[in-house]
Structures are given as C-alpha cells and as structure tokens.
Amino acid sequence: MTEPDRGERDPGLAAERTRLAWRRTAIAFAAVGGIMLKTSIIAGAVVLAMSPLIWALGYLAAPHPDSARAAPRLRLVSITITVVAAVALIVSFTARGR
C-alpha cells in the first residue's frame, strides 16, 4: 500500500473549509449585531443586515481551481470586505447608545 503524496491536496476540501470559515464569521456578525441591538438599534440592525452578505461571500471567496476565474472573485471579495468594514466603522462612530 502506497502512502499518498503530502504535496497533493484535495481542492474541494480547501473550498469547504473556506466556506465554513465565512459561515462562522457571518454567525459571529449576527451574534454581535444581536448584542448591539440592546444598546443601539440602528447599529445593531446594520450589523445584522451584513450577516447574510458575509454568508454569501463565502461562496465567492472559496478557492477555485481555475486561477483565471479566481482573480476577479478575490478582488470582489476584497472590495466587499473593505466596504463592510468601513460601514461598520462609520456606524460604530455615529450610532448613539441609549
């Protein structure tokens, strides 16, 4: 019986791990948004509204074997993450607690 080459990896597993990481991030955003609702309804609602977007980004961010198709996806994911972070920062500075 031969041992599998350590250099070979199943690209399907990498994609699944990436999707799972994005799902955990989306769940964390939803949890933080729910907690934020207690102090600021607007800020909490904005963070909660971003959770489905982050969940959907998990499918775009997953590695793809075709590198020519991966570059535009990675660019889209990077831009979206930057926009989400900027919106969260703006909301955190402008929202007022009770």
C-alpha atoms as a PDB file:
ATOM      1  CA  MET A   1       0.000   0.000   0.000  1.00  0.00           C
ATOM      2  CA  THR A   2       1.458   3.334  -1.009  1.00  0.00           C
ATOM      3  CA  GLU A   3       1.278   6.420   1.085  1.00  0.00           C
ATOM      4  CA  PRO A   4      -0.366   9.475  -0.563  1.00  0.00           C
ATOM      5  CA  ASP A   5       1.959  12.289  -1.528  1.00  0.00           C
ATOM      6  CA  ARG A   6       1.873  15.018   1.127  1.00  0.00           C
ATOM      7  CA  GLY A   7       2.107  17.675  -1.590  1.00  0.00           C
ATOM      8  CA  GLU A   8      -1.214  16.638  -3.112  1.00  0.00           C
ATOM      9  CA  ARG A   9      -4.318  18.118  -1.572  1.00  0.00           C
ATOM     10  CA  ASP A  10      -7.939  17.906  -2.443  1.00  0.00           C
ATOM     11  CA  PRO A  11      -9.020  21.369  -3.647  1.00  0.00           C
ATOM     12  CA  GLY A  12     -12.595  20.528  -2.658  1.00  0.00           C
ATOM     13  CA  LEU A  13     -11.619  20.400   0.999  1.00  0.00           C
ATOM     14  CA  ALA A  14      -9.972  23.813   0.844  1.00  0.00           C
ATOM     15  CA  ALA A  15     -13.126  25.292  -0.636  1.00  0.00           C
ATOM     16  CA  GLU A  16     -15.264  23.694   2.048  1.00  0.00           C
ATOM     17  CA  ARG A  17     -13.003  24.973   4.835  1.00  0.00           C
ATOM     18  CA  THR A  18     -13.186  28.472   3.359  1.00  0.00           C
ATOM     19  CA  ARG A  19     -16.982  28.352   3.186  1.00  0.00           C
ATOM     20  CA  LEU A  20     -17.178  27.124   6.784  1.00  0.00           C
ATOM     21  CA  ALA A  21     -14.901  29.946   7.963  1.00  0.00           C
ATOM     22  CA  TRP A  22     -17.125  32.511   6.237  1.00  0.00           C
ATOM     23  CA  ARG A  23     -20.232  30.928   7.783  1.00  0.00           C
ATOM     24  CA  ARG A  24     -18.671  31.198  11.244  1.00  0.00           C
ATOM     25  CA  THR A  25     -17.854  34.843  10.535  1.00  0.00           C
ATOM     26  CA  ALA A  26     -21.434  35.517   9.443  1.00  0.00           C
ATOM     27  CA  ILE A  27     -22.784  33.846  12.584  1.00  0.00           C
ATOM     28  CA  ALA A  28     -20.413  35.945  14.692  1.00  0.00           C
ATOM     29  CA  PHE A  29     -21.639  39.109  12.938  1.00  0.00           C
ATOM     30  CA  ALA A  30     -25.238  38.102  13.672  1.00  0.00           C
ATOM     31  CA  ALA A  31     -24.409  37.470  17.331  1.00  0.00           C
ATOM     32  CA  VAL A  32     -22.607  40.797  17.698  1.00  0.00           C
ATOM     33  CA  GLY A  33     -25.448  42.560  15.877  1.00  0.00           C
ATOM     34  CA  GLY A  34     -27.964  40.988  18.248  1.00  0.00           C
ATOM     35  CA  ILE A  35     -25.976  42.179  21.241  1.00  0.00           C
ATOM     36  CA  MET A  36     -25.610  45.645  19.699  1.00  0.00           C
ATOM     37  CA  LEU A  37     -29.405  45.883  19.383  1.00  0.00           C
ATOM     38  CA  LYS A  38     -29.559  46.276  23.169  1.00  0.00           C
ATOM     39  CA  THR A  39     -27.532  49.494  23.083  1.00  0.00           C
ATOM     40  CA  SER A  40     -28.140  50.901  19.614  1.00  0.00           C
ATOM     41  CA  ILE A  41     -30.937  49.676  17.391  1.00  0.00           C
ATOM     42  CA  ILE A  42     -29.559  51.290  14.213  1.00  0.00           C
ATOM     43  CA  ALA A  43     -26.013  49.975  14.637  1.00  0.00           C
ATOM     44  CA  GLY A  44     -27.275  46.505  15.559  1.00  0.00           C
ATOM     45  CA  ALA A  45     -29.625  46.425  12.581  1.00  0.00           C
ATOM     46  CA  VAL A  46     -26.815  47.404  10.207  1.00  0.00           C
ATOM     47  CA  VAL A  47     -24.527  44.681  11.536  1.00  0.00           C
ATOM     48  CA  LEU A  48     -27.361  42.137  11.384  1.00  0.00           C
ATOM     49  CA  ALA A  49     -28.102  43.176   7.797  1.00  0.00           C
ATOM     50  CA  MET A  50     -24.476  42.496   6.862  1.00  0.00           C
ATOM     51  CA  SER A  51     -24.609  38.896   8.110  1.00  0.00           C
ATOM     52  CA  PRO A  52     -26.334  37.428   5.011  1.00  0.00           C
ATOM     53  CA  LEU A  53     -23.923  39.347   2.775  1.00  0.00           C
ATOM     54  CA  ILE A  54     -20.955  37.839   4.592  1.00  0.00           C
ATOM     55  CA  TRP A  55     -22.549  34.390   4.386  1.00  0.00           C
ATOM     56  CA  ALA A  56     -22.947  34.798   0.598  1.00  0.00           C
ATOM     57  CA  LEU A  57     -19.364  35.993   0.226  1.00  0.00           C
ATOM     58  CA  GLY A  58     -18.233  32.607   1.494  1.00  0.00           C
ATOM     59  CA  TYR A  59     -19.242  31.067  -1.798  1.00  0.00           C
ATOM     60  CA  LEU A  60     -17.374  33.687  -3.798  1.00  0.00           C
ATOM     61  CA  ALA A  61     -14.259  33.506  -1.643  1.00  0.00           C
ATOM     62  CA  ALA A  62     -13.851  29.740  -1.879  1.00  0.00           C
ATOM     63  CA  PRO A  63     -10.759  28.727  -3.833  1.00  0.00           C
ATOM     64  CA  HIS A  64     -11.363  27.791  -7.427  1.00  0.00           C
ATOM     65  CA  PRO A  65      -9.035  25.539  -9.407  1.00  0.00           C
ATOM     66  CA  ASP A  66      -9.146  27.884 -12.404  1.00  0.00           C
ATOM     67  CA  SER A  67      -6.847  30.744 -11.372  1.00  0.00           C
ATOM     68  CA  ALA A  68      -8.033  32.974 -14.227  1.00  0.00           C
ATOM     69  CA  ARG A  69     -11.522  32.969 -12.709  1.00  0.00           C
ATOM     70  CA  ALA A  70     -10.210  33.278  -9.154  1.00  0.00           C
ATOM     71  CA  ALA A  71      -8.599  36.733  -9.534  1.00  0.00           C
ATOM     72  CA  PRO A  72     -11.819  38.708 -10.212  1.00  0.00           C
ATOM     73  CA  ARG A  73     -13.579  36.835  -7.407  1.00  0.00           C
ATOM     74  CA  LEU A  74     -10.795  37.619  -4.974  1.00  0.00           C
ATOM     75  CA  ARG A  75     -10.886  41.279  -5.994  1.00  0.00           C
ATOM     76  CA  LEU A  76     -14.678  41.393  -5.471  1.00  0.00           C
ATOM     77  CA  VAL A  77     -14.387  39.753  -2.065  1.00  0.00           C
ATOM     78  CA  SER A  78     -11.590  42.135  -1.017  1.00  0.00           C
ATOM     79  CA  ILE A  79     -13.557  45.211  -2.064  1.00  0.00           C
ATOM     80  CA  THR A  80     -16.708  43.976  -0.337  1.00  0.00           C
ATOM     81  CA  ILE A  81     -14.848  43.227   2.905  1.00  0.00           C
ATOM     82  CA  THR A  82     -13.342  46.708   2.841  1.00  0.00           C
ATOM     83  CA  VAL A  83     -16.762  48.304   2.290  1.00  0.00           C
ATOM     84  CA  VAL A  84     -18.352  46.218   5.065  1.00  0.00           C
ATOM     85  CA  ALA A  85     -15.562  47.176   7.469  1.00  0.00           C
ATOM     86  CA  ALA A  86     -15.881  50.868   6.541  1.00  0.00           C
ATOM     87  CA  VAL A  87     -19.659  50.804   7.052  1.00  0.00           C
ATOM     88  CA  ALA A  88     -19.238  49.070  10.419  1.00  0.00           C
ATOM     89  CA  LEU A  89     -16.663  51.659  11.459  1.00  0.00           C
ATOM     90  CA  ILE A  90     -18.890  54.572  10.403  1.00  0.00           C
ATOM     91  CA  VAL A  91     -21.906  53.076  12.175  1.00  0.00           C
ATOM     92  CA  SER A  92     -19.918  52.472  15.349  1.00  0.00           C
ATOM     93  CA  PHE A  93     -18.781  56.101  15.459  1.00  0.00           C
ATOM     94  CA  THR A  94     -22.113  57.690  14.516  1.00  0.00           C
ATOM     95  CA  ALA A  95     -24.593  55.484  16.393  1.00  0.00           C
ATOM     96  CA  ARG A  96     -25.592  56.734  19.790  1.00  0.00           C
ATOM     97  CA  GLY A  97     -26.262  54.462  22.737  1.00  0.00           C
ATOM     98  CA  ARG A  98     -29.268  54.867  24.997  1.00  0.00           C
END
